[in-house]
Amino acid sequence: MTVELVILGLVVVTALAFDFTNGFHDTGNAMATSIATGALSPRTAVALSAVLNLVGAFLSVEVATTVTKDVLLIQASDGGLVHGLDPTLALVLIFSGLIGGILWNLTTWLFGLPSSSSHALFGGLIGAGLASLGVAGVNWSGVVQKILVPAALAPFIAGCVAAVGTALVYLISRAASNRHKDRGFRWGQVGTASMVSLAHGTGDAQKTMGVIALALIAHGNLSVQGIEDNGLPPWIIVTCAVAIALGTYLGGWRVIRTLGKGLVEIEPPQGMAAEASSAAIILTSSHFGMALSTTHVATGSILGSGVGKPGARVRWGVAGRMVVGWLLTLPAAAVVGAACFITARAIDGLLGAVVIFLVMVVVSAAIFIRSRREKVDRHNVNAEWDKDTNSVVPGSPERSATQEVAH
């Protein structure tokens, strides 16, 4: 077994591990509002989201194609690798970028910060690309057009759509009693949250598919033209779909709590409007191959639902903290990706890849152990939010659906 083949195996395993973290990190994008309003129980919500993420992963490969050609310039026009890049080095580059994405995902999950898994992945790849190939190794026009511009516009567009939708929902239903209104909109939330989960699977699972395809291109098994003509190998689609579904089923309770309780006290009409807005925007972006962050869209929609509801109070302090995390995601993951590549190259060969893989495992285990000190799960995901500290009230019980309606 050659060194290249072993490193390729490590890349595929690590890519699926990233896909897994993407699943539990982003579950809240689809289900946080439904859990907060009591439309779905926490366990039912994550199970439904997992199934729909699995289904969504099979619907399109446009975003995967974007990842293979619009982030890094690995394949030359003649079908080989770009000048100065051998297959082993290209695989270590991709491997390092994945580690940068995973470690940033786990760090933000620990703090319950809804940051973009997509941007963590792209940041890691860009950092490793800069460390290996310099500025010329990054497809800057693709990064700007398919990643940065959508990242800047998505929260505002989602917020505006959700604000208008929420205002219209309350206007149209103003004559209905609260009891009937809440019950009806809870059922509506089940449908809209399901659409967001389907959209998330369609968009985010493809990003990992694209990375695995990129590794196969570096190894010489695939080409960008071949993907455009014939699609992805079925095994890539199936494994990525299963990985993101399993991660989703675990439930990223820390992030779910922040999105569901930290931004706005959400009522069922708001939740339905926010989820409908998110689903429409994510599915549209996936159709056009834009690697949009579902976290940015979902957060913008939730904030918009607060703006659109008369008398609602939006916690802008929590939103500001999220924005800081968003701005740090790309550069922070890039630094880790670059550091991993430099370390692996200094040690050289297979040993370097193994060393950075072990570093990832050790740091990930340390983050997990630290998270157990303040456990968040389905039992306390709806705990009261402290407006003074912008965090959950320690030891507060989960609020029931009835209490939420009364509130």
Protein backbone atom coordinates (compact mmCIF):
# COMPACT_ATOMS: atom_id res chain seq x y z
CA MET A 1 0.00 0.00 0.00
CA THR A 2 1.55 3.31 -1.06
CA VAL A 3 1.96 6.38 1.13
CA GLU A 4 -0.43 8.30 -1.14
CA LEU A 5 -3.16 5.72 -0.71
CA VAL A 6 -2.85 5.74 3.09
CA ILE A 7 -3.04 9.54 3.20
CA LEU A 8 -6.03 9.42 0.84
CA GLY A 9 -7.72 7.07 3.31
CA LEU A 10 -6.99 9.49 6.17
CA VAL A 11 -8.45 12.33 4.11
CA VAL A 12 -11.67 10.43 3.41
CA VAL A 13 -12.08 9.43 7.09
CA THR A 14 -11.39 12.99 8.24
CA ALA A 15 -13.78 14.42 5.64
CA LEU A 16 -16.55 12.17 6.95
CA ALA A 17 -15.65 13.24 10.50
CA PHE A 18 -16.05 16.86 9.40
CA ASP A 19 -19.41 15.97 7.84
CA PHE A 20 -20.42 14.43 11.16
CA THR A 21 -19.49 17.59 13.10
CA ASN A 22 -21.33 19.64 10.47
CA GLY A 23 -24.45 17.62 11.22
CA PHE A 24 -24.58 18.18 14.97
CA HIS A 25 -23.22 21.73 14.73
CA ASP A 26 -25.97 22.83 12.34
CA THR A 27 -29.01 20.90 13.61
CA GLY A 28 -30.23 24.10 15.25
CA ASN A 29 -30.48 25.86 11.89
CA ALA A 30 -33.52 23.73 11.10
CA MET A 31 -34.95 22.70 14.45
CA ALA A 32 -34.09 25.33 17.07
CA THR A 33 -37.30 27.33 16.63
CA SER A 34 -39.53 24.23 16.55
CA ILE A 35 -37.97 22.96 19.78
CA ALA A 36 -38.22 26.41 21.41
CA THR A 37 -41.94 26.76 20.66
CA GLY A 38 -42.81 23.15 21.53
CA ALA A 39 -43.88 22.33 17.98
CA LEU A 40 -41.63 19.26 18.18
CA SER A 41 -40.06 17.50 21.13
CA PRO A 42 -36.25 17.71 21.11
CA ARG A 43 -35.70 14.04 20.32
CA THR A 44 -38.36 13.94 17.59
CA ALA A 45 -36.95 17.11 16.06
CA VAL A 46 -33.39 15.82 15.68
CA ALA A 47 -34.60 12.42 14.41
CA LEU A 48 -36.78 14.08 11.75
CA SER A 49 -33.94 16.43 10.80
CA ALA A 50 -31.50 13.51 10.48
CA VAL A 51 -33.78 11.62 8.08
CA LEU A 52 -34.35 14.69 5.91
CA ASN A 53 -30.64 15.58 5.88
CA LEU A 54 -30.05 12.07 4.59
CA VAL A 55 -32.63 12.47 1.83
CA GLY A 56 -31.49 15.98 0.93
CA ALA A 57 -27.93 14.83 0.29
CA PHE A 58 -29.11 12.89 -2.78
CA LEU A 59 -30.93 15.77 -4.48
CA SER A 60 -28.09 17.73 -6.09
CA VAL A 61 -24.32 17.93 -6.68
CA GLU A 62 -24.04 21.56 -7.81
CA VAL A 63 -22.41 22.74 -4.57
CA ALA A 64 -20.00 19.78 -4.59
CA THR A 65 -18.84 20.84 -8.05
CA THR A 66 -18.30 24.37 -6.75
CA VAL A 67 -16.02 23.07 -3.99
CA THR A 68 -13.87 21.12 -6.44
CA LYS A 69 -13.05 24.11 -8.63
CA ASP A 70 -13.94 27.41 -6.93
CA VAL A 71 -11.88 27.26 -3.72
CA LEU A 72 -8.45 25.80 -4.51
CA LEU A 73 -6.62 25.61 -7.82
CA ILE A 74 -5.35 22.04 -7.69
CA GLN A 75 -6.03 20.69 -11.17
CA ALA A 76 -4.31 22.31 -14.15
CA SER A 77 -6.03 22.81 -17.50
CA ASP A 78 -4.33 19.70 -18.93
CA GLY A 79 -5.89 17.50 -16.25
CA GLY A 80 -2.76 17.15 -14.12
CA LEU A 81 -1.89 18.96 -10.90
CA VAL A 82 -0.76 22.57 -10.84
CA HIS A 83 2.97 23.24 -11.09
CA GLY A 84 4.99 22.27 -8.02
CA LEU A 85 2.28 20.15 -6.44
CA ASP A 86 2.71 16.40 -6.27
CA PRO A 87 -0.19 14.10 -5.28
CA THR A 88 1.09 13.47 -1.74
CA LEU A 89 1.47 17.19 -1.05
CA ALA A 90 -1.97 17.91 -2.51
CA LEU A 91 -3.57 15.31 -0.23
CA VAL A 92 -1.79 16.72 2.83
CA LEU A 93 -3.07 20.17 1.81
CA ILE A 94 -6.69 18.96 1.75
CA PHE A 95 -6.17 16.96 4.94
CA SER A 96 -4.84 20.03 6.77
CA GLY A 97 -7.79 22.13 5.63
CA LEU A 98 -10.25 19.57 6.98
CA ILE A 99 -8.56 19.57 10.37
CA GLY A 100 -8.83 23.37 10.51
CA GLY A 101 -12.56 23.10 9.82
CA ILE A 102 -13.17 20.35 12.38
CA LEU A 103 -11.34 22.08 15.24
CA TRP A 104 -13.15 25.39 14.65
CA ASN A 105 -16.49 23.57 14.49
CA LEU A 106 -15.84 21.87 17.82
CA THR A 107 -14.58 25.06 19.48
CA THR A 108 -17.65 27.08 18.50
CA TRP A 109 -19.93 24.18 19.46
CA LEU A 110 -18.35 24.14 22.93
CA PHE A 111 -19.35 27.78 23.42
CA GLY A 112 -22.76 27.31 21.81
CA LEU A 113 -21.84 29.73 19.04
CA PRO A 114 -23.79 29.26 15.78
CA SER A 115 -20.88 29.76 13.37
CA SER A 116 -20.67 28.55 9.80
CA SER A 117 -19.40 25.00 9.29
CA SER A 118 -19.08 25.82 5.60
CA HIS A 119 -16.81 28.78 6.23
CA ALA A 120 -14.77 26.76 8.71
CA LEU A 121 -14.14 24.21 5.97
CA PHE A 122 -13.35 26.81 3.32
CA GLY A 123 -11.13 28.74 5.74
CA GLY A 124 -9.13 25.62 6.54
CA LEU A 125 -8.67 24.81 2.85
CA ILE A 126 -7.70 28.38 1.97
CA GLY A 127 -5.15 28.53 4.81
CA ALA A 128 -3.57 25.24 3.78
CA GLY A 129 -3.62 26.37 0.14
CA LEU A 130 -1.81 29.60 0.99
CA ALA A 131 0.79 27.70 3.02
CA SER A 132 1.48 25.25 0.19
CA LEU A 133 0.95 27.18 -3.05
CA GLY A 134 0.86 30.81 -2.02
CA VAL A 135 -1.69 33.34 -3.21
CA ALA A 136 -1.86 31.70 -6.64
CA GLY A 137 -3.17 28.47 -5.12
CA VAL A 138 -6.55 29.98 -4.21
CA ASN A 139 -9.31 30.66 -6.73
CA TRP A 140 -10.02 34.15 -5.42
CA SER A 141 -12.72 34.98 -7.95
CA GLY A 142 -14.60 31.80 -7.02
CA VAL A 143 -14.16 32.48 -3.29
CA VAL A 144 -15.51 36.01 -3.65
CA GLN A 145 -18.42 35.17 -5.95
CA LYS A 146 -19.54 31.84 -4.48
CA ILE A 147 -18.62 32.26 -0.77
CA LEU A 148 -17.90 35.82 0.46
CA VAL A 149 -20.61 37.75 -1.38
CA PRO A 150 -23.36 35.24 -0.46
CA ALA A 151 -22.06 35.26 3.14
CA ALA A 152 -22.44 39.04 3.34
CA LEU A 153 -25.86 39.19 1.71
CA ALA A 154 -27.55 36.05 3.05
CA PRO A 155 -28.28 37.18 6.65
CA PHE A 156 -29.75 40.49 5.47
CA ILE A 157 -31.88 38.95 2.74
CA ALA A 158 -33.09 36.21 5.09
CA GLY A 159 -33.81 38.77 7.80
CA CYS A 160 -35.82 40.98 5.49
CA VAL A 161 -37.82 38.08 4.06
CA ALA A 162 -38.55 36.72 7.54
CA ALA A 163 -39.49 40.15 8.91
CA VAL A 164 -41.99 40.76 6.12
CA GLY A 165 -43.32 37.20 6.40
CA THR A 166 -43.73 37.46 10.17
CA ALA A 167 -45.53 40.80 9.93
CA LEU A 168 -47.91 39.39 7.33
CA VAL A 169 -48.56 36.24 9.37
CA TYR A 170 -49.53 38.26 12.44
CA LEU A 171 -51.62 40.64 10.34
CA ILE A 172 -53.54 37.85 8.62
CA SER A 173 -54.12 35.85 11.80
CA ARG A 174 -54.90 38.75 14.13
CA ALA A 175 -58.57 37.75 14.46
CA ALA A 176 -57.77 34.17 15.48
CA SER A 177 -57.59 33.18 19.13
CA ASN A 178 -54.12 32.57 20.56
CA ARG A 179 -54.97 28.93 21.26
CA HIS A 180 -55.99 28.14 17.70
CA LYS A 181 -53.25 30.31 16.22
CA ASP A 182 -50.46 28.65 18.19
CA ARG A 183 -51.73 25.14 17.45
CA GLY A 184 -52.04 25.83 13.73
CA PHE A 185 -48.68 27.45 13.38
CA ARG A 186 -47.00 24.65 15.33
CA TRP A 187 -48.22 22.24 12.68
CA GLY A 188 -46.95 24.67 10.07
CA GLN A 189 -43.57 24.69 11.78
CA VAL A 190 -43.26 20.94 11.38
CA GLY A 191 -43.52 21.38 7.62
CA THR A 192 -41.20 24.39 7.32
CA ALA A 193 -38.58 22.93 9.67
CA SER A 194 -38.62 19.79 7.55
CA MET A 195 -37.95 21.87 4.46
CA VAL A 196 -34.95 23.54 6.14
CA SER A 197 -33.55 20.12 7.09
CA LEU A 198 -33.97 18.91 3.52
CA ALA A 199 -32.28 22.07 2.26
CA HIS A 200 -29.44 21.68 4.75
CA GLY A 201 -28.74 18.16 3.54
CA THR A 202 -28.83 19.37 -0.05
CA GLY A 203 -26.31 22.14 0.63
CA ASP A 204 -23.98 21.10 3.42
CA ALA A 205 -23.51 17.39 2.72
CA GLN A 206 -22.35 18.36 -0.76
CA LYS A 207 -19.47 20.40 0.63
CA THR A 208 -17.91 17.30 2.11
CA MET A 209 -18.63 15.40 -1.10
CA GLY A 210 -16.72 18.12 -2.93
CA VAL A 211 -13.72 17.79 -0.61
CA ILE A 212 -13.54 14.01 -1.06
CA ALA A 213 -13.83 14.52 -4.81
CA LEU A 214 -11.02 17.09 -4.60
CA ALA A 215 -8.84 14.49 -2.85
CA LEU A 216 -9.60 11.96 -5.58
CA ILE A 217 -8.69 14.57 -8.19
CA ALA A 218 -5.36 15.11 -6.41
CA HIS A 219 -4.80 11.35 -6.36
CA GLY A 220 -5.62 11.06 -10.05
CA ASN A 221 -8.87 9.08 -9.77
CA LEU A 222 -11.23 11.87 -10.86
CA SER A 223 -11.25 15.09 -12.86
CA VAL A 224 -13.36 18.23 -12.61
CA GLN A 225 -14.59 17.63 -16.17
CA GLY A 226 -15.52 14.06 -15.29
CA ILE A 227 -17.60 15.23 -12.33
CA GLU A 228 -19.38 17.83 -14.46
CA ASP A 229 -20.14 15.23 -17.13
CA ASN A 230 -20.92 12.13 -15.04
CA GLY A 231 -21.55 13.36 -11.49
CA LEU A 232 -19.96 12.03 -8.32
CA PRO A 233 -19.27 8.35 -7.58
CA PRO A 234 -22.28 6.97 -5.67
CA TRP A 235 -20.19 5.84 -2.68
CA ILE A 236 -19.21 9.45 -1.96
CA ILE A 237 -22.83 10.58 -1.92
CA VAL A 238 -23.98 7.69 0.28
CA THR A 239 -21.21 7.96 2.90
CA CYS A 240 -21.53 11.74 3.19
CA ALA A 241 -25.31 11.49 3.50
CA VAL A 242 -25.04 8.93 6.30
CA ALA A 243 -22.32 10.89 8.14
CA ILE A 244 -24.25 14.16 8.23
CA ALA A 245 -27.46 12.34 9.22
CA LEU A 246 -25.75 10.61 12.16
CA GLY A 247 -24.26 13.90 13.33
CA THR A 248 -27.65 15.57 13.07
CA TYR A 249 -29.31 12.86 15.14
CA LEU A 250 -26.90 13.49 18.03
CA GLY A 251 -28.33 17.01 18.24
CA GLY A 252 -26.06 20.02 18.68
CA TRP A 253 -27.90 21.00 21.84
CA ARG A 254 -25.59 23.89 22.75
CA VAL A 255 -26.11 25.65 19.44
CA ILE A 256 -29.82 24.76 19.38
CA ARG A 257 -30.24 26.48 22.74
CA THR A 258 -28.53 29.66 21.56
CA LEU A 259 -30.58 29.91 18.37
CA GLY A 260 -33.87 28.91 19.98
CA LYS A 261 -33.63 30.89 23.22
CA GLY A 262 -30.81 33.42 22.86
CA LEU A 263 -31.90 35.68 20.02
CA VAL A 264 -35.66 36.11 20.38
CA GLU A 265 -38.42 34.60 22.52
CA ILE A 266 -40.01 32.81 19.59
CA GLU A 267 -43.70 32.12 19.13
CA PRO A 268 -45.05 29.59 16.59
CA PRO A 269 -45.99 32.19 13.91
CA GLN A 270 -42.46 33.61 14.05
CA GLY A 271 -40.92 30.16 13.91
CA MET A 272 -42.88 29.19 10.83
CA ALA A 273 -42.02 32.43 9.03
CA ALA A 274 -38.32 32.12 9.88
CA GLU A 275 -38.09 28.50 8.76
CA ALA A 276 -39.98 29.14 5.51
CA SER A 277 -37.61 32.01 4.69
CA SER A 278 -34.52 29.90 5.44
CA ALA A 279 -35.70 26.96 3.34
CA ALA A 280 -36.49 29.12 0.32
CA ILE A 281 -33.12 30.88 0.36
CA ILE A 282 -31.01 27.76 0.98
CA LEU A 283 -32.71 25.69 -1.71
CA THR A 284 -32.35 28.54 -4.22
CA SER A 285 -28.63 28.96 -3.47
CA SER A 286 -28.01 25.21 -3.76
CA HIS A 287 -29.69 25.18 -7.18
CA PHE A 288 -27.20 27.81 -8.40
CA GLY A 289 -24.19 26.09 -6.80
CA MET A 290 -23.54 28.81 -4.20
CA ALA A 291 -21.86 27.44 -1.06
CA LEU A 292 -24.15 29.37 1.26
CA SER A 293 -23.90 29.14 5.04
CA THR A 294 -27.13 27.74 6.45
CA THR A 295 -26.13 29.18 9.84
CA HIS A 296 -26.05 32.72 8.46
CA VAL A 297 -29.41 32.23 6.75
CA ALA A 298 -31.11 30.67 9.79
CA THR A 299 -29.78 33.33 12.17
CA GLY A 300 -30.84 36.14 9.86
CA SER A 301 -34.32 34.61 9.58
CA ILE A 302 -34.71 34.29 13.35
CA LEU A 303 -33.62 37.88 13.87
CA GLY A 304 -36.00 38.98 11.12
CA SER A 305 -38.87 37.17 12.83
CA GLY A 306 -38.17 39.23 15.94
CA VAL A 307 -38.09 42.48 13.98
CA GLY A 308 -41.34 41.59 12.19
CA LYS A 309 -43.33 40.72 15.33
CA PRO A 310 -44.90 43.77 16.99
CA GLY A 311 -43.45 44.29 20.47
CA ALA A 312 -40.84 41.53 20.23
CA ARG A 313 -37.46 42.08 21.88
CA VAL A 314 -34.37 41.04 19.96
CA ARG A 315 -31.20 40.33 21.96
CA TRP A 316 -28.78 42.24 19.78
CA GLY A 317 -25.92 41.53 22.20
CA VAL A 318 -26.15 37.81 21.44
CA ALA A 319 -26.43 38.60 17.72
CA GLY A 320 -23.32 40.77 17.93
CA ARG A 321 -21.39 37.95 19.56
CA MET A 322 -22.43 35.66 16.72
CA VAL A 323 -21.28 38.17 14.10
CA VAL A 324 -17.85 38.36 15.74
CA GLY A 325 -17.67 34.56 15.53
CA TRP A 326 -18.66 34.70 11.86
CA LEU A 327 -15.90 37.20 11.09
CA LEU A 328 -13.32 35.06 12.88
CA THR A 329 -14.34 31.76 11.29
CA LEU A 330 -12.53 31.99 7.95
CA PRO A 331 -9.24 33.42 9.29
CA ALA A 332 -9.17 31.23 12.42
CA ALA A 333 -9.74 28.02 10.46
CA ALA A 334 -7.23 29.23 7.87
CA VAL A 335 -4.55 29.67 10.54
CA VAL A 336 -5.14 26.14 11.85
CA GLY A 337 -5.15 24.70 8.31
CA ALA A 338 -1.91 26.48 7.45
CA ALA A 339 -0.26 25.40 10.72
CA CYS A 340 -1.24 21.78 10.14
CA PHE A 341 0.16 21.83 6.60
CA ILE A 342 3.45 23.42 7.69
CA THR A 343 3.79 20.88 10.51
CA ALA A 344 3.04 17.89 8.29
CA ARG A 345 5.43 19.08 5.59
CA ALA A 346 8.22 19.69 8.10
CA ILE A 347 7.94 16.11 9.38
CA ASP A 348 7.42 14.88 5.80
CA GLY A 349 5.50 12.03 4.28
CA LEU A 350 3.09 9.71 6.00
CA LEU A 351 4.46 10.43 9.47
CA GLY A 352 3.57 14.11 9.13
CA ALA A 353 -0.02 13.24 8.17
CA VAL A 354 -0.31 10.84 11.10
CA VAL A 355 1.04 13.46 13.53
CA ILE A 356 -1.50 16.13 12.59
CA PHE A 357 -4.26 13.50 12.64
CA LEU A 358 -3.31 12.58 16.22
CA VAL A 359 -3.20 16.24 17.19
CA MET A 360 -6.75 16.61 15.88
CA VAL A 361 -7.90 13.57 17.87
CA VAL A 362 -6.30 14.79 21.11
CA VAL A 363 -7.67 18.34 20.82
CA SER A 364 -11.13 17.04 19.88
CA ALA A 365 -11.14 14.73 22.91
CA ALA A 366 -10.10 17.61 25.18
CA ILE A 367 -12.96 19.77 23.88
CA PHE A 368 -15.45 16.95 24.42
CA ILE A 369 -14.25 16.34 27.99
CA ARG A 370 -14.50 20.08 28.71
CA SER A 371 -18.08 20.12 27.38
CA ARG A 372 -19.17 17.52 29.96
CA ARG A 373 -18.62 20.01 32.80
CA GLU A 374 -21.70 21.97 31.70
CA LYS A 375 -23.78 19.39 29.92
CA VAL A 376 -26.50 20.54 27.55
CA ASP A 377 -28.93 17.98 26.18
CA ARG A 378 -32.59 17.55 25.30
CA HIS A 379 -33.56 17.91 28.99
CA ASN A 380 -32.29 21.49 29.42
CA VAL A 381 -32.16 22.80 25.85
CA ASN A 382 -35.16 25.08 26.58
CA ALA A 383 -33.78 26.42 29.86
CA GLU A 384 -34.40 30.08 30.68
CA TRP A 385 -32.10 32.67 29.08
CA ASP A 386 -30.42 35.24 31.35
CA LYS A 387 -30.77 38.66 29.71
CA ASP A 388 -27.95 40.13 31.81
CA THR A 389 -25.26 37.56 31.00
CA ASN A 390 -26.56 36.67 27.53
CA SER A 391 -26.41 33.01 28.44
CA VAL A 392 -28.59 30.31 29.93
CA VAL A 393 -29.57 30.60 33.59
CA PRO A 394 -27.53 27.97 35.47
CA GLY A 395 -29.71 25.16 36.80
CA SER A 396 -32.93 26.52 35.34
CA PRO A 397 -35.45 23.89 34.24
CA GLU A 398 -36.66 23.31 30.74
CA ARG A 399 -39.85 25.20 29.98
CA SER A 400 -42.78 23.19 28.79
CA ALA A 401 -44.70 23.94 25.64
CA THR A 402 -47.62 25.16 27.75
CA GLN A 403 -45.39 27.65 29.56
CA GLU A 404 -44.03 28.86 26.25
CA VAL A 405 -47.54 29.57 24.97
CA ALA A 406 -48.49 31.33 28.16
CA HIS A 407 -45.39 33.45 27.90
